[in-house]
């Protein structure tokens, strides 16, 4: 599960990086460790875009909204943490 999720995200990132520089910068921001703190609207403003324009361009490049992409990143980090953590009971 983890490997296929990594592969899928890697394909999305590679495709987005080749098509839109603003989306590429947004991807870098979303992938940073402070992803939980950064608001998508703030990322858009930092890139000189409106929130709506950023979402539209991101969706066109990645086939996911920035929010969906961020959720996948969180899920991936959670899976990695569970896979590397020692086995404990519920």
Protein backbone atom coordinates (compact mmCIF):
# COMPACT_ATOMS: atom_id res chain seq x y z
CA UNK A 1 0.00 0.00 0.00
CA UNK A 2 2.70 2.44 0.97
CA UNK A 3 4.83 1.79 -2.14
CA UNK A 4 1.89 2.22 -4.50
CA UNK A 5 0.85 5.46 -2.75
CA UNK A 6 4.43 6.73 -3.05
CA UNK A 7 4.53 5.81 -6.74
CA UNK A 8 1.22 7.54 -7.43
CA UNK A 9 2.31 10.73 -5.67
CA UNK A 10 5.67 10.68 -7.42
CA UNK A 11 3.94 10.45 -10.81
CA UNK A 12 1.68 13.38 -9.91
CA UNK A 13 4.57 15.50 -8.72
CA UNK A 14 6.64 14.75 -11.82
CA UNK A 15 3.81 15.68 -14.16
CA UNK A 16 3.01 18.89 -12.31
CA UNK A 17 6.62 20.01 -12.17
CA UNK A 18 6.89 19.84 -15.95
CA UNK A 19 3.79 21.91 -16.69
CA UNK A 20 3.43 24.91 -14.37
CA UNK A 21 6.16 26.67 -12.35
CA UNK A 22 3.64 28.13 -9.85
CA UNK A 23 2.21 24.67 -9.22
CA UNK A 24 5.71 23.30 -8.80
CA UNK A 25 6.44 25.90 -6.13
CA UNK A 26 3.10 25.13 -4.50
CA UNK A 27 3.97 21.43 -4.45
CA UNK A 28 7.26 22.19 -2.71
CA UNK A 29 5.42 24.23 -0.09
CA UNK A 30 2.78 21.54 0.43
CA UNK A 31 5.46 18.87 0.79
CA UNK A 32 7.37 20.80 3.44
CA UNK A 33 7.20 19.68 7.04
CA UNK A 34 5.06 22.67 8.04
CA UNK A 35 2.28 21.47 5.73
CA UNK A 36 -0.19 21.38 8.60
CA UNK A 37 0.49 25.03 9.40
CA UNK A 38 0.44 26.49 5.89
CA UNK A 39 -2.94 27.50 4.57
CA UNK A 40 -3.52 26.88 0.90
CA UNK A 41 -4.83 30.42 0.45
CA UNK A 42 -1.61 31.79 1.99
CA UNK A 43 0.49 29.65 -0.35
CA UNK A 44 -1.46 31.03 -3.31
CA UNK A 45 -0.94 34.62 -2.17
CA UNK A 46 2.79 34.00 -1.68
CA UNK A 47 2.91 32.79 -5.28
CA UNK A 48 1.16 35.93 -6.50
CA UNK A 49 -2.07 34.09 -7.36
CA UNK A 50 -5.59 34.26 -6.08
CA UNK A 51 -6.70 31.20 -4.14
CA UNK A 52 -9.15 30.29 -6.89
CA UNK A 53 -6.55 30.67 -9.65
CA UNK A 54 -4.06 28.53 -7.71
CA UNK A 55 -6.65 25.78 -7.13
CA UNK A 56 -7.64 25.82 -10.81
CA UNK A 57 -4.05 25.63 -12.08
CA UNK A 58 -3.14 22.99 -9.49
CA UNK A 59 -6.12 20.87 -10.48
CA UNK A 60 -5.23 21.19 -14.17
CA UNK A 61 -1.62 20.12 -13.54
CA UNK A 62 -2.07 17.42 -10.88
CA UNK A 63 -5.68 16.22 -11.31
CA UNK A 64 -6.17 16.86 -7.59
CA UNK A 65 -7.02 19.99 -5.66
CA UNK A 66 -4.32 21.31 -3.32
CA UNK A 67 -6.44 20.17 -0.37
CA UNK A 68 -6.77 16.63 -1.77
CA UNK A 69 -3.04 16.53 -2.46
CA UNK A 70 -2.23 17.69 1.08
CA UNK A 71 -4.51 14.98 2.48
CA UNK A 72 -2.66 12.35 0.44
CA UNK A 73 0.64 13.64 1.79
CA UNK A 74 -0.64 13.40 5.35
CA UNK A 75 -1.91 9.89 4.69
CA UNK A 76 1.46 8.87 3.24
CA UNK A 77 3.30 10.26 6.26
CA UNK A 78 0.92 8.41 8.57
CA UNK A 79 1.46 5.12 6.71
CA UNK A 80 5.23 5.58 6.85
CA UNK A 81 5.05 6.30 10.58
CA UNK A 82 2.96 3.20 11.19
CA UNK A 83 5.21 1.03 9.04
CA UNK A 84 8.38 2.13 10.83
CA UNK A 85 6.96 2.19 14.37
CA UNK A 86 7.48 -0.82 16.60
CA UNK A 87 4.47 -3.12 16.84
CA UNK A 88 2.19 -2.12 19.65
CA UNK A 89 -1.26 -3.29 20.60
CA UNK A 90 -4.31 -1.16 20.11
